[in-house]
C-alpha atoms as a PDB file:
ATOM      1  CA  MET A   1     265.740 198.992 125.277  1.00  0.00           C
ATOM      2  CA  GLU A   2     262.459 197.963 126.647  1.00  0.00           C
ATOM      3  CA  ASP A   3     264.260 195.541 128.901  1.00  0.00           C
ATOM      4  CA  ILE A   4     267.269 197.860 130.310  1.00  0.00           C
ATOM      5  CA  LEU A   5     263.597 200.160 131.699  1.00  0.00           C
ATOM      6  CA  ARG A   6     261.542 196.478 132.848  1.00  0.00           C
ATOM      7  CA  SER A   7     264.423 196.465 135.931  1.00  0.00           C
ATOM      8  CA  ILE A   8     262.883 199.937 136.418  1.00  0.00           C
ATOM      9  CA  TYR A   9     259.661 199.944 136.418  1.00  0.00           C
ATOM     10  CA  GLN A  10     259.084 196.580 137.988  1.00  0.00           C
ATOM     11  CA  GLU A  11     261.019 197.673 141.203  1.00  0.00           C
ATOM     12  CA  ARG A  12     258.042 200.322 141.145  1.00  0.00           C
ATOM     13  CA  ALA A  13     255.279 197.595 140.444  1.00  0.00           C
ATOM     14  CA  SER A  14     256.167 196.097 143.478  1.00  0.00           C
ATOM     15  CA  GLN A  15     255.695 198.630 145.910  1.00  0.00           C
ATOM     16  CA  LYS A  16     252.180 199.226 147.358  1.00  0.00           C
ATOM     17  CA  ASN A  17     252.768 203.562 146.573  1.00  0.00           C
ATOM     18  CA  THR A  18     252.047 202.237 142.808  1.00  0.00           C
ATOM     19  CA  LEU A  19     248.412 203.073 141.854  1.00  0.00           C
ATOM     20  CA  GLY A  20     249.443 202.388 137.650  1.00  0.00           C
ATOM     21  CA  ILE A  21     252.338 202.597 135.101  1.00  0.00           C
ATOM     22  CA  ILE A  22     252.317 203.761 131.843  1.00  0.00           C
ATOM     23  CA  GLN A  23     254.704 203.456 128.635  1.00  0.00           C
ATOM     24  CA  VAL A  24     254.600 206.080 125.969  1.00  0.00           C
ATOM     25  CA  GLU A  25     256.213 205.617 123.361  1.00  0.00           C
ATOM     26  CA  LYS A  26     257.887 207.990 120.462  1.00  0.00           C
ATOM     27  CA  ASP A  27     255.914 208.802 117.587  1.00  0.00           C
ATOM     28  CA  HIS A  28     257.333 210.316 114.478  1.00  0.00           C
ATOM     29  CA  LYS A  29     253.685 211.866 113.351  1.00  0.00           C
ATOM     30  CA  LYS A  30     253.574 213.196 117.014  1.00  0.00           C
ATOM     31  CA  ASN A  31     257.076 213.915 118.099  1.00  0.00           C
ATOM     32  CA  ALA A  32     256.292 216.401 120.311  1.00  0.00           C
ATOM     33  CA  LEU A  33     253.838 213.948 122.773  1.00  0.00           C
ATOM     34  CA  THR A  34     257.479 212.619 123.257  1.00  0.00           C
ATOM     35  CA  ASP A  35     259.949 215.795 124.131  1.00  0.00           C
ATOM     36  CA  THR A  36     261.775 213.697 121.788  1.00  0.00           C
ATOM     37  CA  PHE A  37     262.630 211.255 124.069  1.00  0.00           C
ATOM     38  CA  HIS A  38     262.131 207.446 122.746  1.00  0.00           C
ATOM     39  CA  ILE A  39     259.946 205.991 125.481  1.00  0.00           C
ATOM     40  CA  VAL A  40     258.159 207.964 128.529  1.00  0.00           C
ATOM     41  CA  LEU A  41     258.161 206.074 131.954  1.00  0.00           C
ATOM     42  CA  LEU A  42     254.715 207.181 133.491  1.00  0.00           C
ATOM     43  CA  ILE A  43     254.579 206.041 137.613  1.00  0.00           C
ATOM     44  CA  ILE A  44     251.509 206.997 139.184  1.00  0.00           C
ATOM     45  CA  VAL A  45     251.889 207.139 143.056  1.00  0.00           C
ATOM     46  CA  LYS A  46     249.502 207.534 145.804  1.00  0.00           C
ATOM     47  CA  GLU A  47     251.739 210.063 147.832  1.00  0.00           C
ATOM     48  CA  GLN A  48     255.633 211.426 147.631  1.00  0.00           C
ATOM     49  CA  GLN A  49     257.477 214.436 149.127  1.00  0.00           C
ATOM     50  CA  ASN A  50     257.637 215.971 145.825  1.00  0.00           C
ATOM     51  CA  PRO A  51     254.980 216.030 143.642  1.00  0.00           C
ATOM     52  CA  VAL A  52     256.347 215.421 140.442  1.00  0.00           C
ATOM     53  CA  GLN A  53     259.987 213.518 140.011  1.00  0.00           C
ATOM     54  CA  ILE A  54     262.047 213.068 136.537  1.00  0.00           C
ATOM     55  CA  LYS A  55     264.833 210.998 135.465  1.00  0.00           C
ATOM     56  CA  HIS A  56     266.483 210.778 132.232  1.00  0.00           C
ATOM     57  CA  TYR A  57     267.659 207.465 130.615  1.00  0.00           C
ATOM     58  CA  HIS A  58     270.784 206.969 127.604  1.00  0.00           C
ATOM     59  CA  TYR A  59     271.307 203.538 126.973  1.00  0.00           C
ATOM     60  CA  ASN A  60     272.861 202.378 123.166  1.00  0.00           C
ATOM     61  CA  ASN A  61     271.874 205.094 121.208  1.00  0.00           C
ATOM     62  CA  SER A  62     267.765 205.664 122.705  1.00  0.00           C
ATOM     63  CA  LYS A  63     266.871 207.983 125.920  1.00  0.00           C
ATOM     64  CA  ALA A  64     264.380 207.512 128.304  1.00  0.00           C
ATOM     65  CA  ALA A  65     262.364 209.661 130.331  1.00  0.00           C
ATOM     66  CA  LEU A  66     260.469 208.453 133.658  1.00  0.00           C
ATOM     67  CA  HIS A  67     257.860 210.286 135.311  1.00  0.00           C
ATOM     68  CA  VAL A  68     256.749 209.507 138.841  1.00  0.00           C
ATOM     69  CA  VAL A  69     253.861 212.070 139.458  1.00  0.00           C
ATOM     70  CA  SER A  70     251.853 211.498 142.853  1.00  0.00           C
ATOM     71  CA  GLU A  71     247.871 211.098 142.490  1.00  0.00           C
ATOM     72  CA  LYS A  72     247.264 214.372 144.303  1.00  0.00           C
ATOM     73  CA  GLN A  73     249.316 216.398 141.546  1.00  0.00           C
ATOM     74  CA  LEU A  74     248.072 214.410 138.206  1.00  0.00           C
ATOM     75  CA  ASN A  75     244.186 215.152 139.333  1.00  0.00           C
ATOM     76  CA  GLU A  76     245.283 218.957 139.777  1.00  0.00           C
ATOM     77  CA  TRP A  77     246.517 218.902 136.125  1.00  0.00           C
ATOM     78  CA  LEU A  78     243.613 217.229 134.811  1.00  0.00           C
ATOM     79  CA  LEU A  79     241.401 220.122 136.747  1.00  0.00           C
ATOM     80  CA  LEU A  80     243.325 223.059 135.593  1.00  0.00           C
ATOM     81  CA  GLY A  81     243.885 221.655 132.319  1.00  0.00           C
ATOM     82  CA  SER A  82     248.140 222.894 132.935  1.00  0.00           C
ATOM     83  CA  ASN A  83     249.363 219.561 131.830  1.00  0.00           C
ATOM     84  CA  ARG A  84     247.777 218.129 128.557  1.00  0.00           C
ATOM     85  CA  LYS A  85     250.402 215.721 127.752  1.00  0.00           C
ATOM     86  CA  ILE A  86     249.262 214.290 130.064  1.00  0.00           C
ATOM     87  CA  VAL A  87     245.729 213.440 129.144  1.00  0.00           C
ATOM     88  CA  GLU A  88     246.997 212.252 126.018  1.00  0.00           C
ATOM     89  CA  TRP A  89     250.082 209.472 127.948  1.00  0.00           C
ATOM     90  CA  LEU A  90     246.617 208.588 129.850  1.00  0.00           C
ATOM     91  CA  TYR A  91     244.761 207.731 126.226  1.00  0.00           C
ATOM     92  CA  GLU A  92     247.731 206.356 123.907  1.00  0.00           C
ATOM     93  CA  GLY A  93     250.088 204.882 125.918  1.00  0.00           C
ATOM     94  CA  ARG A  94     250.507 201.324 127.141  1.00  0.00           C
ATOM     95  CA  ILE A  95     249.108 200.176 130.510  1.00  0.00           C
ATOM     96  CA  LEU A  96     252.453 197.804 132.045  1.00  0.00           C
ATOM     97  CA  PHE A  97     250.822 197.824 135.803  1.00  0.00           C
ATOM     98  CA  ASP A  98     247.282 199.071 137.046  1.00  0.00           C
ATOM     99  CA  ARG A  99     246.590 197.910 140.631  1.00  0.00           C
ATOM    100  CA  ASN A 100     242.755 197.885 141.512  1.00  0.00           C
ATOM    101  CA  GLU A 101     242.243 198.720 138.239  1.00  0.00           C
ATOM    102  CA  TYR A 102     242.430 202.371 138.594  1.00  0.00           C
ATOM    103  CA  LEU A 103     244.351 203.815 135.512  1.00  0.00           C
ATOM    104  CA  GLU A 104     241.446 201.813 133.788  1.00  0.00           C
ATOM    105  CA  SER A 105     238.678 203.793 135.517  1.00  0.00           C
ATOM    106  CA  LEU A 106     240.725 206.912 135.216  1.00  0.00           C
ATOM    107  CA  ARG A 107     240.417 206.667 131.478  1.00  0.00           C
ATOM    108  CA  LYS A 108     237.335 206.295 131.354  1.00  0.00           C
ATOM    109  CA  GLU A 109     236.335 209.387 133.123  1.00  0.00           C
ATOM    110  CA  LEU A 110     238.563 210.886 130.859  1.00  0.00           C
ATOM    111  CA  ARG A 111     236.276 209.695 128.183  1.00  0.00           C
ATOM    112  CA  ASP A 112     233.169 210.292 129.621  1.00  0.00           C
ATOM    113  CA  PHE A 113     234.123 214.046 131.247  1.00  0.00           C
ATOM    114  CA  PRO A 114     232.166 214.687 133.907  1.00  0.00           C
ATOM    115  CA  PHE A 115     230.060 217.281 133.939  1.00  0.00           C
ATOM    116  CA  TYR A 116     231.643 218.972 136.871  1.00  0.00           C
ATOM    117  CA  GLY A 117     235.050 218.528 135.867  1.00  0.00           C
ATOM    118  CA  ARG A 118     233.885 220.259 132.938  1.00  0.00           C
ATOM    119  CA  LYS A 119     232.503 222.971 134.404  1.00  0.00           C
ATOM    120  CA  ILE A 120     235.283 224.477 136.427  1.00  0.00           C
ATOM    121  CA  LYS A 121     237.775 224.105 133.263  1.00  0.00           C
ATOM    122  CA  THR A 122     235.200 225.725 131.297  1.00  0.00           C
ATOM    123  CA  GLY A 123     235.220 228.387 133.682  1.00  0.00           C
ATOM    124  CA  LEU A 124     239.489 228.400 134.347  1.00  0.00           C
ATOM    125  CA  GLU A 125     239.355 228.632 130.245  1.00  0.00           C
ATOM    126  CA  PHE A 126     237.354 231.123 129.874  1.00  0.00           C
ATOM    127  CA  ALA A 127     238.442 233.535 132.286  1.00  0.00           C
ATOM    128  CA  LYS A 128     242.075 233.000 130.423  1.00  0.00           C
ATOM    129  CA  LEU A 129     240.477 233.928 127.296  1.00  0.00           C
ATOM    130  CA  ILE A 130     238.778 237.298 128.732  1.00  0.00           C
ATOM    131  CA  ARG A 131     242.227 237.741 130.579  1.00  0.00           C
ATOM    132  CA  ARG A 132     243.867 237.802 126.807  1.00  0.00           C
ATOM    133  CA  TYR A 133     241.468 239.162 125.097  1.00  0.00           C
ATOM    134  CA  MET A 134     241.049 242.099 127.445  1.00  0.00           C
ATOM    135  CA  ASP A 135     244.741 243.213 127.439  1.00  0.00           C
ATOM    136  CA  GLY A 136     244.666 242.319 123.559  1.00  0.00           C
ATOM    137  CA  ARG A 137     241.703 245.185 122.799  1.00  0.00           C
ATOM    138  CA  SER A 138     243.770 247.233 125.865  1.00  0.00           C
ATOM    139  CA  PHE A 139     246.754 247.247 123.573  1.00  0.00           C
ATOM    140  CA  PHE A 140     245.206 247.942 119.694  1.00  0.00           C
ATOM    141  CA  GLN A 141     244.111 250.699 121.360  1.00  0.00           C
ATOM    142  CA  MET A 142     247.381 251.837 122.769  1.00  0.00           C
ATOM    143  CA  GLY A 143     248.296 250.895 119.043  1.00  0.00           C
ATOM    144  CA  HIS A 144     250.827 248.304 120.221  1.00  0.00           C
ATOM    145  CA  TYR A 145     249.361 246.273 117.528  1.00  0.00           C
ATOM    146  CA  LEU A 146     252.228 243.150 118.180  1.00  0.00           C
ATOM    147  CA  ASP A 147     251.586 243.103 121.393  1.00  0.00           C
ATOM    148  CA  ALA A 148     248.330 242.915 121.025  1.00  0.00           C
ATOM    149  CA  TYR A 149     248.072 240.618 118.391  1.00  0.00           C
ATOM    150  CA  ASN A 150     250.326 238.223 120.837  1.00  0.00           C
ATOM    151  CA  HIS A 151     247.608 238.396 123.315  1.00  0.00           C
ATOM    152  CA  ILE A 152     244.934 238.162 120.560  1.00  0.00           C
ATOM    153  CA  ILE A 153     246.738 234.767 119.457  1.00  0.00           C
ATOM    154  CA  HIS A 154     246.255 233.658 122.906  1.00  0.00           C
ATOM    155  CA  SER A 155     242.741 234.882 123.391  1.00  0.00           C
ATOM    156  CA  LEU A 156     241.980 232.616 119.811  1.00  0.00           C
ATOM    157  CA  HIS A 157     243.676 229.896 121.710  1.00  0.00           C
ATOM    158  CA  HIS A 158     241.812 230.047 124.459  1.00  0.00           C
ATOM    159  CA  LEU A 159     238.246 230.336 122.463  1.00  0.00           C
ATOM    160  CA  ALA A 160     239.470 227.305 120.389  1.00  0.00           C
ATOM    161  CA  ARG A 161     240.037 225.268 123.980  1.00  0.00           C
ATOM    162  CA  LEU A 162     236.636 226.429 125.701  1.00  0.00           C
ATOM    163  CA  SER A 163     234.768 225.051 122.322  1.00  0.00           C
ATOM    164  CA  ILE A 164     236.662 221.785 122.843  1.00  0.00           C
ATOM    165  CA  ILE A 165     235.717 221.685 126.230  1.00  0.00           C
ATOM    166  CA  GLU A 166     231.905 222.620 125.842  1.00  0.00           C
ATOM    167  CA  ASN A 167     231.242 219.659 123.297  1.00  0.00           C
ATOM    168  CA  GLY A 168     232.036 217.601 126.060  1.00  0.00           C
ATOM    169  CA  TYR A 169     235.790 216.553 124.558  1.00  0.00           C
ATOM    170  CA  HIS A 170     239.214 217.282 126.420  1.00  0.00           C
ATOM    171  CA  PRO A 171     241.741 219.669 124.378  1.00  0.00           C
ATOM    172  CA  GLU A 172     244.696 218.145 122.728  1.00  0.00           C
ATOM    173  CA  LEU A 173     247.775 219.331 121.904  1.00  0.00           C
ATOM    174  CA  THR A 174     247.062 219.573 118.392  1.00  0.00           C
ATOM    175  CA  VAL A 175     243.875 221.829 119.041  1.00  0.00           C
ATOM    176  CA  TRP A 176     243.467 223.669 115.554  1.00  0.00           C
ATOM    177  CA  SER A 177     243.025 220.005 114.355  1.00  0.00           C
ATOM    178  CA  GLN A 178     240.104 219.647 116.622  1.00  0.00           C
ATOM    179  CA  VAL A 179     237.990 223.221 116.788  1.00  0.00           C
ATOM    180  CA  LYS A 180     238.507 222.907 112.778  1.00  0.00           C
ATOM    181  CA  GLN A 181     236.415 220.001 113.065  1.00  0.00           C
ATOM    182  CA  ILE A 182     234.578 220.893 115.628  1.00  0.00           C
ATOM    183  CA  GLU A 183     233.583 224.714 114.989  1.00  0.00           C
ATOM    184  CA  PRO A 184     235.166 226.274 111.625  1.00  0.00           C
ATOM    185  CA  GLU A 185     234.234 229.148 112.641  1.00  0.00           C
ATOM    186  CA  ILE A 186     237.217 229.901 115.551  1.00  0.00           C
ATOM    187  CA  TYR A 187     239.121 228.362 113.021  1.00  0.00           C
ATOM    188  CA  LYS A 188     238.739 230.163 110.180  1.00  0.00           C
ATOM    189  CA  LEU A 189     239.093 233.527 112.538  1.00  0.00           C
ATOM    190  CA  TYR A 190     242.630 232.395 113.293  1.00  0.00           C
ATOM    191  CA  GLU A 191     243.204 231.793 109.523  1.00  0.00           C
ATOM    192  CA  GLU A 192     242.481 235.104 108.561  1.00  0.00           C
ATOM    193  CA  LEU A 193     244.287 236.827 111.097  1.00  0.00           C
ATOM    194  CA  VAL A 194     247.252 234.537 110.297  1.00  0.00           C
ATOM    195  CA  LYS A 195     246.985 234.368 106.715  1.00  0.00           C
ATOM    196  CA  SER A 196     245.072 237.832 106.317  1.00  0.00           C
ATOM    197  CA  GLU A 197     247.674 240.324 103.572  1.00  0.00           C
ATOM    198  CA  GLU A 198     245.542 243.100 105.024  1.00  0.00           C
ATOM    199  CA  SER A 199     248.149 244.991 107.746  1.00  0.00           C
ATOM    200  CA  ILE A 200     248.615 243.695 111.135  1.00  0.00           C
ATOM    201  CA  GLU A 201     246.400 246.800 112.655  1.00  0.00           C
ATOM    202  CA  LYS A 202     243.169 245.670 109.944  1.00  0.00           C
ATOM    203  CA  ARG A 203     243.350 242.236 110.771  1.00  0.00           C
ATOM    204  CA  LEU A 204     242.660 243.010 114.330  1.00  0.00           C
ATOM    205  CA  GLU A 205     239.991 245.657 113.737  1.00  0.00           C
ATOM    206  CA  LEU A 206     238.713 242.976 111.750  1.00  0.00           C
ATOM    207  CA  LEU A 207     238.768 240.109 114.212  1.00  0.00           C
ATOM    208  CA  PHE A 208     237.311 242.459 117.381  1.00  0.00           C
ATOM    209  CA  LEU A 209     234.641 242.954 115.150  1.00  0.00           C
ATOM    210  CA  ALA A 210     234.156 239.123 114.678  1.00  0.00           C
ATOM    211  CA  SER A 211     235.154 237.863 118.027  1.00  0.00           C
ATOM    212  CA  GLU A 212     233.460 240.397 120.002  1.00  0.00           C
ATOM    213  CA  PHE A 213     229.841 238.567 120.338  1.00  0.00           C
ATOM    214  CA  MET A 214     231.482 235.448 119.497  1.00  0.00           C
ATOM    215  CA  ILE A 215     233.456 235.607 123.420  1.00  0.00           C
ATOM    216  CA  TYR A 216     230.296 237.413 124.298  1.00  0.00           C
ATOM    217  CA  SER A 217     227.509 234.549 123.471  1.00  0.00           C
ATOM    218  CA  ARG A 218     229.529 232.447 125.568  1.00  0.00           C
ATOM    219  CA  THR A 219     229.466 234.298 128.669  1.00  0.00           C
ATOM    220  CA  SER A 220     226.784 232.889 130.148  1.00  0.00           C
ATOM    221  CA  VAL A 221     227.881 229.555 129.540  1.00  0.00           C
ATOM    222  CA  GLY A 222     232.125 230.509 130.758  1.00  0.00           C
ATOM    223  CA  ALA A 223     231.027 231.822 133.908  1.00  0.00           C
ATOM    224  CA  SER A 224     228.288 230.017 134.950  1.00  0.00           C
ATOM    225  CA  HIS A 225     231.143 228.048 137.718  1.00  0.00           C
ATOM    226  CA  LEU A 226     231.768 231.201 139.259  1.00  0.00           C
ATOM    227  CA  ILE A 227     228.056 232.566 138.659  1.00  0.00           C
ATOM    228  CA  ASP A 228     226.867 229.479 140.657  1.00  0.00           C
ATOM    229  CA  ILE A 229     229.149 230.132 143.684  1.00  0.00           C
ATOM    230  CA  LEU A 230     228.490 233.632 144.023  1.00  0.00           C
ATOM    231  CA  LYS A 231     224.459 233.049 144.079  1.00  0.00           C
ATOM    232  CA  THR A 232     225.007 230.903 147.277  1.00  0.00           C
ATOM    233  CA  LYS A 233     225.614 234.483 149.126  1.00  0.00           C
ATOM    234  CA  GLU A 234     224.104 237.943 149.414  1.00  0.00           C
ATOM    235  CA  LYS A 235     227.416 239.711 148.201  1.00  0.00           C
ATOM    236  CA  TRP A 236     231.282 239.036 148.667  1.00  0.00           C
ATOM    237  CA  SER A 237     234.289 240.357 148.585  1.00  0.00           C
ATOM    238  CA  PHE A 238     236.555 239.922 146.625  1.00  0.00           C
ATOM    239  CA  ASP A 239     238.702 238.408 149.304  1.00  0.00           C
ATOM    240  CA  GLU A 240     236.450 235.965 149.854  1.00  0.00           C
ATOM    241  CA  ILE A 241     235.837 235.454 146.305  1.00  0.00           C
ATOM    242  CA  ALA A 242     239.188 234.879 145.551  1.00  0.00           C
ATOM    243  CA  THR A 243     239.765 232.153 148.406  1.00  0.00           C
ATOM    244  CA  HIS A 244     236.948 230.544 147.941  1.00  0.00           C
ATOM    245  CA  GLU A 245     238.187 226.670 147.667  1.00  0.00           C
ATOM    246  CA  GLU A 246     236.881 226.525 144.016  1.00  0.00           C
ATOM    247  CA  ILE A 247     237.667 230.167 142.647  1.00  0.00           C
ATOM    248  CA  ILE A 248     241.179 230.127 144.096  1.00  0.00           C
ATOM    249  CA  HIS A 249     242.742 228.205 140.698  1.00  0.00           C
ATOM    250  CA  TYR A 250     241.133 231.160 138.807  1.00  0.00           C
ATOM    251  CA  GLY A 251     244.333 232.675 139.567  1.00  0.00           C
ATOM    252  CA  VAL A 252     244.991 236.164 138.193  1.00  0.00           C
ATOM    253  CA  ASP A 253     242.821 235.919 135.834  1.00  0.00           C
ATOM    254  CA  LEU A 254     239.361 236.574 138.606  1.00  0.00           C
ATOM    255  CA  SER A 255     239.910 239.779 139.040  1.00  0.00           C
ATOM    256  CA  ILE A 256     239.829 241.199 135.017  1.00  0.00           C
ATOM    257  CA  LEU A 257     237.270 238.442 135.108  1.00  0.00           C
ATOM    258  CA  ILE A 258     234.820 239.984 137.337  1.00  0.00           C
ATOM    259  CA  GLU A 259     235.152 243.471 135.063  1.00  0.00           C
ATOM    260  CA  TYR A 260     233.933 242.180 132.435  1.00  0.00           C
ATOM    261  CA  LEU A 261     230.829 240.526 134.410  1.00  0.00           C
ATOM    262  CA  ILE A 262     230.405 243.844 135.525  1.00  0.00           C
ATOM    263  CA  GLU A 263     230.722 245.163 132.299  1.00  0.00           C
ATOM    264  CA  LYS A 264     228.657 242.979 130.849  1.00  0.00           C
ATOM    265  CA  ASP A 265     225.552 243.322 133.529  1.00  0.00           C
ATOM    266  CA  PHE A 266     225.747 240.040 134.698  1.00  0.00           C
ATOM    267  CA  ILE A 267     227.655 241.139 138.490  1.00  0.00           C
ATOM    268  CA  GLN A 268     227.096 244.448 140.213  1.00  0.00           C
ATOM    269  CA  THR A 269     229.224 246.186 142.820  1.00  0.00           C
ATOM    270  CA  VAL A 270     227.660 246.872 146.126  1.00  0.00           C
ATOM    271  CA  ASP A 271     229.020 249.800 148.464  1.00  0.00           C
ATOM    272  CA  VAL A 272     229.365 249.198 152.289  1.00  0.00           C
ATOM    273  CA  GLU A 273     230.934 251.345 154.299  1.00  0.00           C
ATOM    274  CA  THR A 274     234.262 251.557 156.569  1.00  0.00           C
ATOM    275  CA  LYS A 275     235.337 253.918 159.054  1.00  0.00           C
ATOM    276  CA  GLY A 276     236.975 256.260 156.569  1.00  0.00           C
ATOM    277  CA  ILE A 277     234.154 259.116 155.265  1.00  0.00           C
ATOM    278  CA  GLY A 278     233.286 258.653 151.719  1.00  0.00           C
ATOM    279  CA  ILE A 279     235.233 255.335 151.374  1.00  0.00           C
ATOM    280  CA  TYR A 280     233.563 252.086 150.815  1.00  0.00           C
ATOM    281  CA  HIS A 281     233.978 248.536 150.413  1.00  0.00           C
ATOM    282  CA  ARG A 282     233.639 247.101 146.955  1.00  0.00           C
ATOM    283  CA  TYR A 283     231.726 243.994 147.117  1.00  0.00           C
ATOM    284  CA  TYR A 284     229.909 241.990 144.331  1.00  0.00           C
ATOM    285  CA  LYS A 285     227.118 240.280 143.591  1.00  0.00           C
ATOM    286  CA  ILE A 286     225.218 238.994 141.233  1.00  0.00           C
ATOM    287  CA  LYS A 287     222.853 241.385 139.054  1.00  0.00           C
ATOM    288  CA  GLU A 288     219.475 241.167 139.642  1.00  0.00           C
END
């Protein structure tokens, strides 16, 4: 199989646009790593028309996947944490081609996890956590316990990822294995929610009580990226915040994050007059 694939990646390696090539082999202990394929080839290119191109191959009862990814798309995945497999591929894959030590430098950057990248990731993860937690709490108050359970499971997952990032690591596919070592209190919350023999209503009630403070205690760190940007101006319209070049990545989670920060006295609203009588624009500023 590898001999067959060599002709594919050697052709790519000869192209100046190619920055690096990594081969990831199937590991029976980590079957999810390669999506059941025997081999994954990851080729990173400087630029291409489609940010991601994927081809599948079959030979002698083996199957392989070829992923050709632009550098811009790769950087976006690493920043937003929206493709966790890519981090493990970069960590665990075998380097077949490396132009000007591009991949080695990238691996070093991932290991060092620069503070700036960590701060944005923390903000994005915290926003997702608040979205899931607030929606879960709302469903719980309405008596929709299964919907509340679904959201709270996701909120705990984001809380676990947030803890891992805070400790200077990239969240892997096996998040709960990581967080069990890093912050066992969060793991215990998760375990009690999924394993307890109490009624689902009682489990959720206890979890809301236990997690409220745990989430609130992380607010200063979790919201620091957004707060630091808001400090650069006296007041902001929502559109100004949402279209900021860094905040734009928060997407649909931004609105509920701001409402949470108002509720917790980190942000305050400012009324700005409009042409209509008794109608005001709602602006936002850091609480003094």
